[in-house]
N, C-alpha and C. Protein backbone atom coordinates (compact mmCIF):
# COMPACT_ATOMS: atom_id res chain seq x y z
N MET A 1 -4.63 -45.68 28.47
CA MET A 1 -5.33 -44.39 28.41
C MET A 1 -4.35 -43.23 28.28
N ARG A 2 -3.23 -43.35 29.02
CA ARG A 2 -2.24 -42.28 28.95
C ARG A 2 -1.64 -42.17 27.55
N LYS A 3 -1.38 -43.37 26.92
CA LYS A 3 -0.81 -43.36 25.57
C LYS A 3 -1.78 -42.75 24.58
N ALA A 4 -3.08 -43.08 24.75
CA ALA A 4 -4.08 -42.51 23.84
C ALA A 4 -4.18 -41.01 23.99
N GLY A 5 -4.13 -40.54 25.25
CA GLY A 5 -4.17 -39.10 25.49
C GLY A 5 -2.98 -38.40 24.89
N LEU A 6 -1.81 -39.01 25.03
CA LEU A 6 -0.60 -38.42 24.47
C LEU A 6 -0.67 -38.35 22.96
N PHE A 7 -1.28 -39.38 22.34
CA PHE A 7 -1.42 -39.40 20.88
C PHE A 7 -2.25 -38.22 20.39
N PHE A 8 -3.38 -37.94 21.06
CA PHE A 8 -4.25 -36.85 20.64
C PHE A 8 -3.58 -35.49 20.83
N VAL A 9 -2.77 -35.36 21.87
CA VAL A 9 -2.03 -34.12 22.09
C VAL A 9 -1.05 -33.88 20.96
N ILE A 10 -0.33 -34.94 20.55
CA ILE A 10 0.64 -34.81 19.46
C ILE A 10 -0.06 -34.43 18.17
N VAL A 11 -1.20 -35.07 17.89
CA VAL A 11 -1.96 -34.76 16.68
C VAL A 11 -2.42 -33.31 16.69
N ALA A 12 -2.92 -32.83 17.84
CA ALA A 12 -3.40 -31.45 17.95
C ALA A 12 -2.28 -30.46 17.71
N LEU A 13 -1.10 -30.76 18.22
CA LEU A 13 0.05 -29.87 18.02
C LEU A 13 0.51 -29.88 16.58
N ALA A 14 0.30 -30.96 15.89
CA ALA A 14 0.78 -31.08 14.51
C ALA A 14 -0.18 -30.46 13.51
N LEU A 15 -1.43 -30.25 13.87
CA LEU A 15 -2.43 -29.76 12.93
C LEU A 15 -2.07 -28.44 12.26
N PRO A 16 -1.58 -27.41 13.00
CA PRO A 16 -1.26 -26.14 12.34
C PRO A 16 -0.25 -26.28 11.22
N VAL A 17 0.61 -27.28 11.29
CA VAL A 17 1.63 -27.47 10.26
C VAL A 17 0.98 -27.76 8.93
N PHE A 18 -0.18 -28.45 8.95
CA PHE A 18 -0.85 -28.86 7.73
C PHE A 18 -1.97 -27.90 7.32
N ALA A 19 -2.09 -26.78 8.00
CA ALA A 19 -3.12 -25.81 7.67
C ALA A 19 -2.86 -25.20 6.30
N GLU A 20 -3.93 -24.88 5.58
CA GLU A 20 -3.79 -24.28 4.26
C GLU A 20 -3.16 -22.89 4.37
N PRO A 21 -2.32 -22.52 3.41
CA PRO A 21 -1.70 -21.20 3.45
C PRO A 21 -2.73 -20.09 3.32
N VAL A 22 -2.52 -19.01 4.03
CA VAL A 22 -3.43 -17.86 3.99
C VAL A 22 -3.19 -17.10 2.68
N PRO A 23 -4.24 -16.72 1.94
CA PRO A 23 -4.05 -15.98 0.69
C PRO A 23 -3.34 -14.65 0.93
N VAL A 24 -2.34 -14.36 0.13
CA VAL A 24 -1.57 -13.13 0.24
C VAL A 24 -1.26 -12.61 -1.16
N VAL A 25 -1.40 -11.31 -1.33
CA VAL A 25 -0.96 -10.63 -2.56
C VAL A 25 0.20 -9.72 -2.19
N GLN A 26 1.26 -9.80 -2.95
CA GLN A 26 2.42 -8.93 -2.74
C GLN A 26 2.68 -8.13 -4.02
N VAL A 27 2.86 -6.83 -3.86
CA VAL A 27 3.15 -5.96 -4.99
C VAL A 27 4.52 -5.32 -4.78
N GLU A 28 5.40 -5.50 -5.76
CA GLU A 28 6.72 -4.88 -5.71
C GLU A 28 6.80 -3.85 -6.83
N PHE A 29 7.28 -2.67 -6.50
CA PHE A 29 7.35 -1.56 -7.46
C PHE A 29 8.78 -1.04 -7.53
N SER A 30 9.23 -0.69 -8.72
CA SER A 30 10.56 -0.10 -8.86
C SER A 30 10.59 0.90 -10.01
N ASN A 31 11.15 2.06 -9.73
CA ASN A 31 11.37 3.11 -10.73
C ASN A 31 12.50 3.99 -10.22
N PRO A 32 13.70 3.87 -10.77
CA PRO A 32 14.86 4.61 -10.26
C PRO A 32 14.73 6.13 -10.40
N GLU A 33 13.75 6.58 -11.19
CA GLU A 33 13.57 8.02 -11.38
C GLU A 33 12.70 8.64 -10.30
N LEU A 34 12.15 7.83 -9.42
CA LEU A 34 11.26 8.33 -8.38
C LEU A 34 11.86 8.15 -7.01
N THR A 35 11.28 8.84 -6.04
CA THR A 35 11.63 8.66 -4.64
C THR A 35 10.33 8.44 -3.86
N PRO A 36 10.13 7.28 -3.25
CA PRO A 36 11.08 6.16 -3.16
C PRO A 36 11.22 5.42 -4.48
N ALA A 37 12.40 4.85 -4.70
CA ALA A 37 12.69 4.15 -5.95
C ALA A 37 12.14 2.73 -5.94
N GLN A 38 11.96 2.17 -4.77
CA GLN A 38 11.44 0.81 -4.65
C GLN A 38 10.51 0.72 -3.44
N TRP A 39 9.48 -0.07 -3.57
CA TRP A 39 8.66 -0.39 -2.41
C TRP A 39 7.97 -1.74 -2.60
N THR A 40 7.60 -2.32 -1.48
CA THR A 40 6.89 -3.60 -1.47
C THR A 40 5.68 -3.47 -0.56
N MET A 41 4.53 -3.91 -1.05
CA MET A 41 3.30 -3.90 -0.25
C MET A 41 2.76 -5.32 -0.17
N ILE A 42 2.56 -5.79 1.04
CA ILE A 42 1.96 -7.09 1.28
C ILE A 42 0.52 -6.87 1.73
N ILE A 43 -0.42 -7.57 1.08
CA ILE A 43 -1.84 -7.40 1.37
C ILE A 43 -2.43 -8.75 1.72
N ARG A 44 -3.08 -8.82 2.89
CA ARG A 44 -3.76 -10.04 3.30
C ARG A 44 -5.27 -9.87 3.13
N LEU A 45 -5.97 -10.97 3.13
CA LEU A 45 -7.39 -10.95 2.85
C LEU A 45 -8.19 -10.17 3.88
N ASP A 46 -7.68 -10.06 5.11
CA ASP A 46 -8.40 -9.32 6.15
C ASP A 46 -8.08 -7.82 6.14
N GLY A 47 -7.29 -7.37 5.17
CA GLY A 47 -6.98 -5.94 5.05
C GLY A 47 -5.68 -5.54 5.72
N THR A 48 -5.12 -6.42 6.55
CA THR A 48 -3.84 -6.09 7.16
C THR A 48 -2.72 -6.34 6.14
N GLY A 49 -1.58 -5.74 6.41
CA GLY A 49 -0.46 -5.91 5.50
C GLY A 49 0.77 -5.21 6.00
N HIS A 50 1.72 -5.05 5.12
CA HIS A 50 2.99 -4.40 5.47
C HIS A 50 3.49 -3.63 4.27
N PHE A 51 4.13 -2.49 4.55
CA PHE A 51 4.69 -1.64 3.49
C PHE A 51 6.12 -1.30 3.83
N ARG A 52 6.99 -1.48 2.86
CA ARG A 52 8.40 -1.15 3.05
C ARG A 52 8.91 -0.45 1.80
N SER A 53 9.56 0.69 1.98
CA SER A 53 10.08 1.44 0.84
C SER A 53 11.56 1.73 1.01
N ILE A 54 12.23 1.91 -0.14
CA ILE A 54 13.64 2.29 -0.18
C ILE A 54 13.74 3.58 -0.97
N ARG A 55 14.37 4.59 -0.39
CA ARG A 55 14.35 5.93 -0.96
C ARG A 55 15.00 6.02 -2.33
N GLY A 56 16.15 5.41 -2.53
CA GLY A 56 16.85 5.52 -3.80
C GLY A 56 17.64 6.81 -3.89
N ASN A 57 18.21 7.07 -5.09
CA ASN A 57 19.09 8.22 -5.28
C ASN A 57 18.61 9.15 -6.38
N ALA A 58 17.32 9.15 -6.66
CA ALA A 58 16.80 10.03 -7.70
C ALA A 58 16.98 11.49 -7.30
N PRO A 59 17.44 12.37 -8.23
CA PRO A 59 17.60 13.79 -7.89
C PRO A 59 16.26 14.46 -7.63
N ALA A 60 16.23 15.33 -6.65
CA ALA A 60 14.98 16.03 -6.32
C ALA A 60 14.61 17.00 -7.43
N LYS A 61 13.37 16.91 -7.92
CA LYS A 61 12.91 17.82 -8.97
C LYS A 61 12.56 19.18 -8.40
N ASP A 62 12.17 19.18 -7.16
CA ASP A 62 11.78 20.43 -6.51
C ASP A 62 12.48 20.49 -5.16
N ARG A 63 13.42 21.37 -5.02
CA ARG A 63 14.21 21.43 -3.79
C ARG A 63 13.39 21.85 -2.58
N THR A 64 12.22 22.45 -2.83
CA THR A 64 11.37 22.84 -1.71
C THR A 64 10.55 21.66 -1.18
N GLU A 65 10.55 20.58 -1.93
CA GLU A 65 9.75 19.42 -1.52
C GLU A 65 10.55 18.55 -0.57
N ILE A 66 9.91 18.10 0.48
CA ILE A 66 10.56 17.24 1.46
C ILE A 66 10.86 15.88 0.85
N ASP A 67 12.05 15.37 1.11
CA ASP A 67 12.43 14.05 0.63
C ASP A 67 11.73 13.00 1.50
N PRO A 68 10.92 12.12 0.92
CA PRO A 68 10.17 11.17 1.75
C PRO A 68 11.10 10.20 2.47
N PRO A 69 10.86 9.96 3.74
CA PRO A 69 11.69 9.00 4.48
C PRO A 69 11.37 7.57 4.05
N SER A 70 12.28 6.67 4.32
CA SER A 70 12.00 5.25 4.09
C SER A 70 10.91 4.81 5.06
N VAL A 71 10.09 3.89 4.62
CA VAL A 71 8.96 3.42 5.42
C VAL A 71 9.08 1.91 5.61
N ASP A 72 8.79 1.46 6.80
CA ASP A 72 8.79 0.03 7.11
C ASP A 72 7.79 -0.19 8.24
N ARG A 73 6.52 -0.46 7.87
CA ARG A 73 5.48 -0.53 8.89
C ARG A 73 4.31 -1.40 8.46
N ASP A 74 3.54 -1.83 9.45
CA ASP A 74 2.29 -2.54 9.19
C ASP A 74 1.24 -1.54 8.72
N ILE A 75 0.32 -2.00 7.90
CA ILE A 75 -0.72 -1.12 7.36
C ILE A 75 -2.08 -1.82 7.47
N LYS A 76 -3.13 -1.01 7.33
CA LYS A 76 -4.50 -1.52 7.31
C LYS A 76 -5.22 -0.84 6.15
N LEU A 77 -5.71 -1.66 5.22
CA LEU A 77 -6.35 -1.14 4.02
C LEU A 77 -7.85 -1.38 4.06
N GLY A 78 -8.58 -0.64 3.23
CA GLY A 78 -10.03 -0.73 3.23
C GLY A 78 -10.54 -2.05 2.67
N GLU A 79 -11.68 -2.49 3.16
CA GLU A 79 -12.25 -3.79 2.78
C GLU A 79 -12.57 -3.85 1.29
N GLU A 80 -13.18 -2.79 0.75
CA GLU A 80 -13.57 -2.78 -0.66
C GLU A 80 -12.34 -2.89 -1.56
N PHE A 81 -11.29 -2.15 -1.22
CA PHE A 81 -10.04 -2.17 -1.98
C PHE A 81 -9.43 -3.57 -1.97
N VAL A 82 -9.37 -4.18 -0.79
CA VAL A 82 -8.77 -5.51 -0.65
C VAL A 82 -9.57 -6.54 -1.43
N GLN A 83 -10.90 -6.45 -1.38
CA GLN A 83 -11.73 -7.38 -2.13
C GLN A 83 -11.48 -7.25 -3.62
N ARG A 84 -11.29 -6.03 -4.11
CA ARG A 84 -10.98 -5.83 -5.54
C ARG A 84 -9.70 -6.54 -5.92
N VAL A 85 -8.68 -6.41 -5.07
CA VAL A 85 -7.39 -7.02 -5.35
C VAL A 85 -7.52 -8.54 -5.45
N PHE A 86 -8.18 -9.15 -4.47
CA PHE A 86 -8.27 -10.60 -4.44
C PHE A 86 -9.26 -11.14 -5.47
N GLN A 87 -10.31 -10.40 -5.76
CA GLN A 87 -11.23 -10.82 -6.81
C GLN A 87 -10.54 -10.80 -8.17
N LEU A 88 -9.69 -9.81 -8.38
CA LEU A 88 -8.93 -9.76 -9.62
C LEU A 88 -8.02 -10.97 -9.73
N ALA A 89 -7.39 -11.33 -8.63
CA ALA A 89 -6.52 -12.50 -8.63
C ALA A 89 -7.30 -13.74 -9.03
N GLN A 90 -8.52 -13.87 -8.54
CA GLN A 90 -9.34 -15.03 -8.87
C GLN A 90 -9.82 -14.98 -10.31
N ASN A 91 -10.30 -13.81 -10.74
CA ASN A 91 -10.82 -13.67 -12.10
C ASN A 91 -9.75 -13.88 -13.16
N LYS A 92 -8.51 -13.50 -12.84
CA LYS A 92 -7.42 -13.63 -13.80
C LYS A 92 -6.62 -14.91 -13.58
N ARG A 93 -7.25 -15.87 -12.92
CA ARG A 93 -6.60 -17.15 -12.67
C ARG A 93 -5.26 -16.96 -11.97
N PHE A 94 -5.30 -16.08 -10.98
CA PHE A 94 -4.15 -15.85 -10.11
C PHE A 94 -2.94 -15.32 -10.88
N PHE A 95 -3.23 -14.36 -11.79
CA PHE A 95 -2.20 -13.61 -12.51
C PHE A 95 -1.32 -14.48 -13.41
N LYS A 96 -1.83 -15.60 -13.83
CA LYS A 96 -1.02 -16.44 -14.70
C LYS A 96 -0.97 -15.87 -16.11
N GLY A 97 0.19 -15.99 -16.75
CA GLY A 97 0.34 -15.53 -18.11
C GLY A 97 1.07 -14.20 -18.19
N ASP A 98 1.30 -13.75 -19.42
CA ASP A 98 2.02 -12.51 -19.68
C ASP A 98 1.03 -11.35 -19.66
N CYS A 99 1.15 -10.46 -18.67
CA CYS A 99 0.20 -9.34 -18.59
C CYS A 99 0.82 -8.02 -19.02
N GLU A 100 2.05 -8.03 -19.52
CA GLU A 100 2.70 -6.82 -20.04
C GLU A 100 2.22 -6.57 -21.47
N SER A 101 1.93 -5.30 -21.77
CA SER A 101 1.40 -4.96 -23.09
C SER A 101 2.46 -5.02 -24.19
N HIS A 102 3.73 -4.75 -23.83
CA HIS A 102 4.84 -4.66 -24.79
C HIS A 102 4.63 -3.51 -25.79
N LEU A 103 3.78 -2.57 -25.40
CA LEU A 103 3.56 -1.39 -26.23
C LEU A 103 4.59 -0.33 -25.91
N LYS A 104 4.81 0.56 -26.84
CA LYS A 104 5.75 1.65 -26.63
C LYS A 104 5.03 2.78 -25.89
N VAL A 105 4.98 2.64 -24.58
CA VAL A 105 4.32 3.64 -23.74
C VAL A 105 5.35 4.18 -22.74
N ALA A 106 5.01 5.30 -22.13
CA ALA A 106 5.91 5.91 -21.15
C ALA A 106 6.17 4.94 -20.00
N PHE A 107 7.39 4.96 -19.49
CA PHE A 107 7.73 4.08 -18.37
C PHE A 107 7.06 4.58 -17.11
N GLN A 108 6.26 3.71 -16.49
CA GLN A 108 5.50 4.06 -15.30
C GLN A 108 6.05 3.40 -14.04
N GLY A 109 7.04 2.54 -14.23
CA GLY A 109 7.58 1.77 -13.10
C GLY A 109 7.13 0.32 -13.21
N TRP A 110 8.02 -0.60 -12.89
CA TRP A 110 7.68 -2.02 -12.95
C TRP A 110 6.86 -2.42 -11.73
N LYS A 111 5.76 -3.08 -12.00
CA LYS A 111 4.92 -3.64 -10.95
C LYS A 111 4.97 -5.16 -11.05
N LYS A 112 5.36 -5.80 -9.98
CA LYS A 112 5.37 -7.26 -9.92
C LYS A 112 4.33 -7.69 -8.90
N VAL A 113 3.25 -8.27 -9.37
CA VAL A 113 2.14 -8.68 -8.52
C VAL A 113 2.20 -10.20 -8.33
N SER A 114 2.33 -10.62 -7.09
CA SER A 114 2.44 -12.05 -6.78
C SER A 114 1.27 -12.49 -5.91
N TYR A 115 0.74 -13.65 -6.21
CA TYR A 115 -0.32 -14.23 -5.39
C TYR A 115 0.16 -15.57 -4.85
N SER A 116 -0.14 -15.83 -3.58
CA SER A 116 0.10 -17.15 -3.01
C SER A 116 -1.07 -17.50 -2.10
N GLY A 117 -1.48 -18.75 -2.18
CA GLY A 117 -2.62 -19.18 -1.38
C GLY A 117 -2.84 -20.66 -1.54
N PRO A 118 -4.00 -21.15 -1.08
CA PRO A 118 -4.30 -22.59 -1.15
C PRO A 118 -4.24 -23.13 -2.58
N GLU A 119 -4.52 -22.24 -3.57
CA GLU A 119 -4.57 -22.69 -4.96
C GLU A 119 -3.19 -22.78 -5.59
N GLY A 120 -2.19 -22.21 -4.93
CA GLY A 120 -0.84 -22.20 -5.49
C GLY A 120 -0.26 -20.81 -5.53
N GLN A 121 0.69 -20.60 -6.42
CA GLN A 121 1.38 -19.32 -6.55
C GLN A 121 1.41 -18.89 -8.01
N ALA A 122 1.41 -17.57 -8.22
CA ALA A 122 1.49 -17.04 -9.57
C ALA A 122 2.03 -15.62 -9.51
N VAL A 123 2.61 -15.17 -10.62
CA VAL A 123 3.23 -13.85 -10.68
C VAL A 123 2.87 -13.17 -12.00
N CYS A 124 2.67 -11.86 -11.93
CA CYS A 124 2.41 -11.05 -13.12
C CYS A 124 3.27 -9.79 -13.00
N GLU A 125 4.08 -9.50 -14.02
CA GLU A 125 4.98 -8.35 -13.96
C GLU A 125 4.73 -7.46 -15.17
N PHE A 126 4.63 -6.15 -14.93
CA PHE A 126 4.32 -5.26 -16.05
C PHE A 126 4.71 -3.82 -15.74
N ASN A 127 4.96 -3.08 -16.81
CA ASN A 127 5.05 -1.62 -16.77
C ASN A 127 3.67 -1.06 -17.10
N TYR A 128 3.14 -1.50 -18.23
CA TYR A 128 1.77 -1.15 -18.63
C TYR A 128 1.10 -2.43 -19.10
N SER A 129 0.01 -2.81 -18.45
CA SER A 129 -0.61 -4.09 -18.75
C SER A 129 -1.58 -3.98 -19.92
N LYS A 130 -1.62 -5.05 -20.70
CA LYS A 130 -2.58 -5.13 -21.81
C LYS A 130 -3.99 -5.42 -21.29
N ASP A 131 -4.08 -5.83 -20.04
CA ASP A 131 -5.37 -6.13 -19.43
C ASP A 131 -5.83 -4.91 -18.62
N ARG A 132 -6.97 -4.38 -18.93
CA ARG A 132 -7.45 -3.15 -18.29
C ARG A 132 -7.64 -3.32 -16.79
N GLU A 133 -8.15 -4.47 -16.38
CA GLU A 133 -8.37 -4.70 -14.95
C GLU A 133 -7.05 -4.77 -14.19
N VAL A 134 -6.07 -5.45 -14.77
CA VAL A 134 -4.77 -5.55 -14.13
C VAL A 134 -4.10 -4.18 -14.06
N GLN A 135 -4.19 -3.41 -15.16
CA GLN A 135 -3.62 -2.07 -15.18
C GLN A 135 -4.30 -1.18 -14.15
N SER A 136 -5.61 -1.31 -14.04
CA SER A 136 -6.36 -0.48 -13.09
C SER A 136 -5.98 -0.79 -11.64
N ILE A 137 -5.86 -2.08 -11.32
CA ILE A 137 -5.51 -2.42 -9.94
C ILE A 137 -4.07 -2.03 -9.66
N GLY A 138 -3.21 -2.10 -10.68
CA GLY A 138 -1.83 -1.64 -10.51
C GLY A 138 -1.78 -0.17 -10.17
N GLU A 139 -2.57 0.63 -10.87
CA GLU A 139 -2.62 2.07 -10.61
C GLU A 139 -3.17 2.34 -9.21
N SER A 140 -4.16 1.57 -8.81
CA SER A 140 -4.75 1.77 -7.48
C SER A 140 -3.76 1.46 -6.36
N VAL A 141 -3.00 0.38 -6.53
CA VAL A 141 -2.02 0.02 -5.51
C VAL A 141 -0.91 1.07 -5.45
N VAL A 142 -0.49 1.56 -6.61
CA VAL A 142 0.52 2.63 -6.64
C VAL A 142 -0.01 3.88 -5.93
N ALA A 143 -1.28 4.19 -6.13
CA ALA A 143 -1.89 5.34 -5.47
C ALA A 143 -1.99 5.13 -3.96
N ALA A 144 -2.25 3.89 -3.54
CA ALA A 144 -2.28 3.59 -2.11
C ALA A 144 -0.89 3.73 -1.51
N ALA A 145 0.13 3.30 -2.24
CA ALA A 145 1.51 3.46 -1.78
C ALA A 145 1.87 4.95 -1.66
N ALA A 146 1.39 5.75 -2.60
CA ALA A 146 1.64 7.19 -2.55
C ALA A 146 1.05 7.80 -1.27
N THR A 147 -0.11 7.32 -0.87
CA THR A 147 -0.74 7.79 0.36
C THR A 147 0.11 7.45 1.58
N ILE A 148 0.61 6.21 1.62
CA ILE A 148 1.42 5.79 2.76
C ILE A 148 2.70 6.61 2.85
N VAL A 149 3.31 6.89 1.71
CA VAL A 149 4.53 7.72 1.68
C VAL A 149 4.20 9.15 2.13
N GLU A 150 3.06 9.68 1.70
CA GLU A 150 2.65 11.01 2.14
C GLU A 150 2.43 11.05 3.64
N GLY A 151 1.86 9.98 4.17
CA GLY A 151 1.67 9.91 5.62
C GLY A 151 2.99 9.98 6.36
N ALA A 152 4.00 9.31 5.82
CA ALA A 152 5.33 9.35 6.43
C ALA A 152 5.92 10.76 6.35
N LYS A 153 5.66 11.45 5.26
CA LYS A 153 6.11 12.84 5.12
C LYS A 153 5.47 13.72 6.19
N LEU A 154 4.17 13.54 6.37
CA LEU A 154 3.45 14.34 7.36
C LEU A 154 4.00 14.09 8.76
N GLU A 155 4.30 12.85 9.07
CA GLU A 155 4.88 12.53 10.38
C GLU A 155 6.21 13.22 10.57
N SER A 156 7.03 13.22 9.52
CA SER A 156 8.34 13.87 9.59
C SER A 156 8.21 15.37 9.77
N LEU A 157 7.26 15.98 9.03
CA LEU A 157 7.05 17.42 9.13
C LEU A 157 6.49 17.80 10.50
N LEU A 158 5.61 16.98 11.04
CA LEU A 158 5.06 17.26 12.36
C LEU A 158 6.17 17.32 13.40
N GLN A 159 7.17 16.52 13.21
CA GLN A 159 8.27 16.47 14.16
C GLN A 159 9.32 17.55 13.92
N HIS A 160 9.57 17.88 12.65
CA HIS A 160 10.72 18.74 12.34
C HIS A 160 10.37 20.09 11.69
N ASP A 161 9.19 20.20 11.06
CA ASP A 161 8.88 21.42 10.33
C ASP A 161 7.37 21.60 10.22
N ARG A 162 6.76 22.06 11.30
CA ARG A 162 5.30 22.15 11.33
C ARG A 162 4.74 23.13 10.30
N LEU A 163 5.51 24.14 9.95
CA LEU A 163 5.03 25.08 8.94
C LEU A 163 4.89 24.41 7.57
N GLY A 164 5.70 23.41 7.34
CA GLY A 164 5.63 22.71 6.07
C GLY A 164 4.41 21.81 5.92
N LEU A 165 3.70 21.59 7.01
CA LEU A 165 2.51 20.74 6.96
C LEU A 165 1.42 21.31 6.05
N ASP A 166 1.32 22.62 6.02
CA ASP A 166 0.26 23.26 5.24
C ASP A 166 0.35 22.89 3.77
N HIS A 167 1.54 23.05 3.20
CA HIS A 167 1.73 22.73 1.78
C HIS A 167 1.53 21.24 1.53
N GLU A 168 2.07 20.40 2.41
CA GLU A 168 2.04 18.96 2.16
C GLU A 168 0.64 18.39 2.26
N ILE A 169 -0.14 18.82 3.23
CA ILE A 169 -1.48 18.27 3.37
C ILE A 169 -2.41 18.83 2.28
N GLU A 170 -2.10 20.02 1.78
CA GLU A 170 -2.85 20.55 0.64
C GLU A 170 -2.59 19.68 -0.60
N PHE A 171 -1.32 19.32 -0.80
CA PHE A 171 -0.97 18.43 -1.91
C PHE A 171 -1.69 17.09 -1.77
N LEU A 172 -1.71 16.54 -0.56
CA LEU A 172 -2.37 15.26 -0.32
C LEU A 172 -3.86 15.35 -0.62
N ALA A 173 -4.49 16.45 -0.20
CA ALA A 173 -5.92 16.62 -0.45
C ALA A 173 -6.22 16.67 -1.95
N GLU A 174 -5.37 17.37 -2.71
CA GLU A 174 -5.55 17.44 -4.16
C GLU A 174 -5.34 16.07 -4.80
N ALA A 175 -4.32 15.35 -4.33
CA ALA A 175 -4.04 14.02 -4.87
C ALA A 175 -5.18 13.06 -4.56
N ALA A 176 -5.79 13.20 -3.40
CA ALA A 176 -6.92 12.34 -3.04
C ALA A 176 -8.13 12.63 -3.92
N ARG A 177 -8.31 13.89 -4.28
CA ARG A 177 -9.44 14.27 -5.13
C ARG A 177 -9.31 13.71 -6.54
N ASP A 178 -8.09 13.72 -7.09
CA ASP A 178 -7.93 13.28 -8.48
C ASP A 178 -7.48 11.82 -8.61
N GLY A 179 -7.37 11.11 -7.48
CA GLY A 179 -7.08 9.69 -7.53
C GLY A 179 -5.62 9.31 -7.47
N ARG A 180 -4.72 10.28 -7.42
CA ARG A 180 -3.30 9.95 -7.30
C ARG A 180 -2.96 9.36 -5.94
N ALA A 181 -3.76 9.69 -4.95
CA ALA A 181 -3.61 9.14 -3.60
C ALA A 181 -4.91 8.43 -3.23
N GLN A 182 -4.82 7.17 -2.90
CA GLN A 182 -5.98 6.38 -2.52
C GLN A 182 -5.71 5.67 -1.20
N GLN A 183 -6.76 5.14 -0.62
CA GLN A 183 -6.67 4.43 0.66
C GLN A 183 -6.16 5.35 1.78
N ILE A 184 -6.82 6.50 1.91
CA ILE A 184 -6.46 7.45 2.97
C ILE A 184 -6.57 6.81 4.34
N CYS A 185 -7.40 5.77 4.45
CA CYS A 185 -7.54 5.06 5.73
C CYS A 185 -6.21 4.49 6.21
N ALA A 186 -5.26 4.28 5.29
CA ALA A 186 -3.97 3.69 5.67
C ALA A 186 -3.13 4.65 6.50
N ILE A 187 -3.46 5.95 6.48
CA ILE A 187 -2.70 6.93 7.28
C ILE A 187 -3.62 7.63 8.28
N GLN A 188 -4.62 6.92 8.72
CA GLN A 188 -5.59 7.48 9.66
C GLN A 188 -4.92 8.01 10.93
N GLY A 189 -3.89 7.32 11.39
CA GLY A 189 -3.23 7.70 12.64
C GLY A 189 -2.65 9.09 12.61
N ILE A 190 -1.87 9.41 11.59
CA ILE A 190 -1.24 10.73 11.52
C ILE A 190 -2.28 11.80 11.25
N LEU A 191 -3.31 11.49 10.49
CA LEU A 191 -4.36 12.49 10.23
C LEU A 191 -5.12 12.82 11.53
N GLU A 192 -5.36 11.82 12.35
CA GLU A 192 -6.04 12.07 13.63
C GLU A 192 -5.15 12.92 14.55
N ARG A 193 -3.87 12.66 14.52
CA ARG A 193 -2.95 13.46 15.34
C ARG A 193 -2.96 14.92 14.89
N LEU A 194 -2.97 15.15 13.60
CA LEU A 194 -2.99 16.51 13.08
C LEU A 194 -4.32 17.20 13.39
N ALA A 195 -5.40 16.46 13.24
CA ALA A 195 -6.72 17.04 13.48
C ALA A 195 -6.90 17.47 14.93
N ASP A 196 -6.22 16.80 15.85
CA ASP A 196 -6.39 17.08 17.28
C ASP A 196 -5.27 17.93 17.88
N ASP A 197 -4.32 18.34 17.06
CA ASP A 197 -3.15 19.07 17.56
C ASP A 197 -3.37 20.58 17.47
N ASP A 198 -3.51 21.22 18.61
CA ASP A 198 -3.69 22.68 18.63
C ASP A 198 -2.43 23.42 18.23
N GLY A 199 -1.33 22.72 18.13
CA GLY A 199 -0.06 23.37 17.81
C GLY A 199 0.21 23.50 16.33
N VAL A 200 -0.69 22.99 15.47
CA VAL A 200 -0.52 23.14 14.02
C VAL A 200 -1.55 24.14 13.51
N MET A 201 -1.34 24.61 12.27
CA MET A 201 -2.22 25.61 11.69
C MET A 201 -3.65 25.10 11.59
N GLU A 202 -4.60 25.99 11.72
CA GLU A 202 -6.01 25.62 11.64
C GLU A 202 -6.35 25.01 10.28
N ARG A 203 -5.72 25.52 9.21
CA ARG A 203 -5.98 24.97 7.88
C ARG A 203 -5.55 23.50 7.81
N VAL A 204 -4.45 23.20 8.45
CA VAL A 204 -3.96 21.82 8.46
C VAL A 204 -4.94 20.93 9.21
N ARG A 205 -5.40 21.39 10.37
CA ARG A 205 -6.35 20.61 11.15
C ARG A 205 -7.65 20.39 10.36
N LYS A 206 -8.10 21.42 9.67
CA LYS A 206 -9.34 21.32 8.91
C LYS A 206 -9.21 20.32 7.77
N ARG A 207 -8.09 20.40 7.03
CA ARG A 207 -7.89 19.46 5.91
C ARG A 207 -7.75 18.03 6.42
N ALA A 208 -7.10 17.85 7.56
CA ALA A 208 -6.96 16.51 8.13
C ALA A 208 -8.33 15.94 8.47
N LYS A 209 -9.20 16.77 9.03
CA LYS A 209 -10.55 16.31 9.38
C LYS A 209 -11.36 15.96 8.13
N LEU A 210 -11.21 16.75 7.07
CA LEU A 210 -11.92 16.49 5.84
C LEU A 210 -11.44 15.18 5.20
N LEU A 211 -10.13 14.94 5.23
CA LEU A 211 -9.59 13.70 4.68
C LEU A 211 -10.09 12.50 5.49
N LEU A 212 -10.14 12.63 6.79
CA LEU A 212 -10.65 11.55 7.63
C LEU A 212 -12.13 11.28 7.34
N ALA A 213 -12.89 12.33 7.11
CA ALA A 213 -14.32 12.16 6.80
C ALA A 213 -14.50 11.44 5.47
N GLU A 214 -13.69 11.79 4.48
CA GLU A 214 -13.77 11.13 3.19
C GLU A 214 -13.37 9.66 3.30
N ALA A 215 -12.33 9.40 4.11
CA ALA A 215 -11.86 8.01 4.27
C ALA A 215 -12.91 7.15 4.95
N ALA A 216 -13.75 7.75 5.78
CA ALA A 216 -14.75 7.00 6.53
C ALA A 216 -15.98 6.64 5.70
N LYS A 217 -16.11 7.25 4.53
CA LYS A 217 -17.30 7.00 3.71
C LYS A 217 -17.27 5.59 3.10
């Protein structure tokens, strides 16, 4: 009986080793003309993930603009957005094949989209994709990354230059309206801090509340 019990314990401990891999999408972006010049976003099916950026050495186009700090943090993305990403992976047979257009278009930055899961692994790399759905999701992920970087800027300004918050959150609000910044839910924490902080300008608090309301829809 003891040997049989020991056998079942060993089997139970070994089971996680043979568990199917959890589906993950990873997006790597690089453009030496931008700041940050490189970033990586990991997206899991439950909306959790991680974002890491490297600032690079691109010259500042506007000296009045704050240089975004490097970011290395866990993130939480919206359910609808995450479903779009993974549905695209399934519809496009997990990004297999050449998805670069090879057209003479403006350089937008290299996007390397990788999928790994129970079905296997696949990679798609492009500046501008010939596939509209792939290009669209690439633009959306870049816009989500822009939001996360803006959130890091706001955190830095809150700590070092509260007067600069007014200009930066106005820029974020405009970017959110025209689609350059998406997934505002990813920076909910800093927006809540600004909305509740009596020490920042009323305009900043108001814009933070409006952004939070839009993100909640």
